[in-house]
Amino acid sequence: MEKGKKFEFCKVVDYQLEGIVSARVLENKVGGITVFAFDKGQRLSEHSAPFDAVITVLEGQGEIVIGGKSNQLQTGDSIIMPANIPHAVNAIERFKMMLIMIKG
């Protein structure tokens, strides 16, 4: 993304039939921001990361599983995923999310 120029997070990526699309908005040595678009039924399988991360749902509805606990999020909802705890993302319907990762 071009610094100093207005944009809308929700328009950074478009949906792809039966796919997941992502785009990095910002990345530097202390973290990054990535926007994802999930088609209905798509998922990111369980994994963990060495850094805390924040998910904000920009559009639609998704399930964020953290440490085996299901969390239903919809447009405007956010959740913090703690470092080193397994998590997964499931698209209940088409949805877009912003992921903010803070390296520390």
Protein backbone atom coordinates (compact mmCIF):
# COMPACT_ATOMS: atom_id res chain seq x y z
CA MET A 1 0.00 0.00 0.00
CA GLU A 2 1.14 3.48 -0.74
CA LYS A 3 1.93 5.44 2.40
CA GLY A 4 0.12 8.74 2.77
CA LYS A 5 -2.70 7.62 0.46
CA LYS A 6 -6.23 6.84 1.63
CA PHE A 7 -7.54 3.25 1.24
CA GLU A 8 -10.15 0.89 2.63
CA PHE A 9 -8.97 -2.35 4.26
CA CYS A 10 -12.03 -4.20 2.95
CA LYS A 11 -11.09 -3.35 -0.65
CA VAL A 12 -7.45 -4.49 -0.41
CA VAL A 13 -8.37 -8.06 -1.47
CA ASP A 14 -11.20 -9.64 -3.46
CA TYR A 15 -12.78 -13.03 -2.94
CA GLN A 16 -11.67 -15.98 -5.02
CA LEU A 17 -14.03 -18.92 -5.58
CA GLU A 18 -13.00 -21.80 -3.27
CA GLY A 19 -9.89 -19.92 -2.19
CA ILE A 20 -8.14 -17.67 0.28
CA VAL A 21 -6.52 -14.46 -0.90
CA SER A 22 -4.15 -12.32 1.17
CA ALA A 23 -2.31 -9.05 0.75
CA ARG A 24 0.31 -7.47 3.00
CA VAL A 25 -0.59 -3.90 3.78
CA LEU A 26 2.43 -3.10 5.94
CA GLU A 27 5.44 -5.04 7.14
CA ASN A 28 8.54 -4.07 9.07
CA LYS A 29 10.89 -5.49 11.70
CA VAL A 30 8.36 -5.16 14.55
CA GLY A 31 5.30 -6.64 12.84
CA GLY A 32 2.88 -6.43 10.00
CA ILE A 33 -0.68 -6.04 8.80
CA THR A 34 -2.21 -8.51 6.34
CA VAL A 35 -5.74 -8.59 4.93
CA PHE A 36 -7.35 -11.93 4.01
CA ALA A 37 -10.47 -12.84 2.00
CA PHE A 38 -11.88 -16.35 2.61
CA ASP A 39 -14.50 -17.99 0.44
CA LYS A 40 -17.20 -19.85 2.37
CA GLY A 41 -15.91 -23.15 3.76
CA GLN A 42 -12.22 -22.29 3.40
CA ARG A 43 -9.92 -22.61 6.38
CA LEU A 44 -6.43 -22.15 7.74
CA SER A 45 -5.56 -25.33 9.61
CA GLU A 46 -4.35 -25.25 13.19
CA HIS A 47 -0.91 -23.69 13.64
CA SER A 48 0.88 -21.44 16.09
CA ALA A 49 3.02 -18.33 15.83
CA PRO A 50 5.76 -17.00 18.10
CA PHE A 51 4.07 -13.58 18.34
CA ASP A 52 0.77 -12.16 19.59
CA ALA A 53 -1.68 -11.26 16.83
CA VAL A 54 -4.98 -9.41 16.54
CA ILE A 55 -7.74 -10.39 14.11
CA THR A 56 -10.48 -7.95 13.15
CA VAL A 57 -13.32 -9.14 10.93
CA LEU A 58 -13.89 -6.57 8.19
CA GLU A 59 -16.82 -8.29 6.49
CA GLY A 60 -18.88 -11.45 6.99
CA GLN A 61 -18.50 -14.14 9.64
CA GLY A 62 -15.71 -16.50 10.63
CA GLU A 63 -14.71 -18.90 13.37
CA ILE A 64 -11.40 -18.40 15.16
CA VAL A 65 -10.33 -21.41 17.23
CA ILE A 66 -7.72 -20.62 19.88
CA GLY A 67 -6.37 -23.39 22.09
CA GLY A 68 -9.32 -25.58 21.11
CA LYS A 69 -11.94 -22.94 22.00
CA SER A 70 -14.27 -21.77 19.22
CA ASN A 71 -14.95 -18.04 18.83
CA GLN A 72 -17.59 -16.83 16.35
CA LEU A 73 -16.68 -13.40 14.99
CA GLN A 74 -18.62 -11.15 12.66
CA THR A 75 -18.11 -7.77 11.04
CA GLY A 76 -16.46 -5.40 13.51
CA ASP A 77 -15.42 -8.07 16.03
CA SER A 78 -11.77 -8.51 17.08
CA ILE A 79 -9.81 -11.08 19.06
CA ILE A 80 -6.23 -11.38 20.33
CA MET A 81 -4.44 -14.64 19.56
CA PRO A 82 -1.68 -15.21 22.13
CA ALA A 83 1.79 -16.27 21.03
CA ASN A 84 2.58 -19.99 20.91
CA ILE A 85 -1.07 -21.10 21.34
CA PRO A 86 -2.46 -23.21 18.46
CA HIS A 87 -5.15 -21.46 16.45
CA ALA A 88 -7.18 -22.01 13.28
CA VAL A 89 -9.48 -19.94 11.06
CA ASN A 90 -12.69 -21.24 9.44
CA ALA A 91 -14.94 -19.33 7.03
CA ILE A 92 -18.55 -19.85 8.13
CA GLU A 93 -19.48 -17.62 5.21
CA ARG A 94 -17.38 -15.48 2.91
CA PHE A 95 -15.43 -13.14 5.11
CA LYS A 96 -12.55 -10.71 5.18
CA MET A 97 -10.24 -10.15 8.11
CA MET A 98 -7.29 -8.01 9.03
CA LEU A 99 -4.40 -9.66 10.88
CA ILE A 100 -2.04 -7.48 12.90
CA MET A 101 1.04 -9.30 14.15
CA ILE A 102 3.32 -7.72 16.73
CA LYS A 103 6.80 -9.20 17.02
CA GLY A 104 8.25 -8.92 20.46
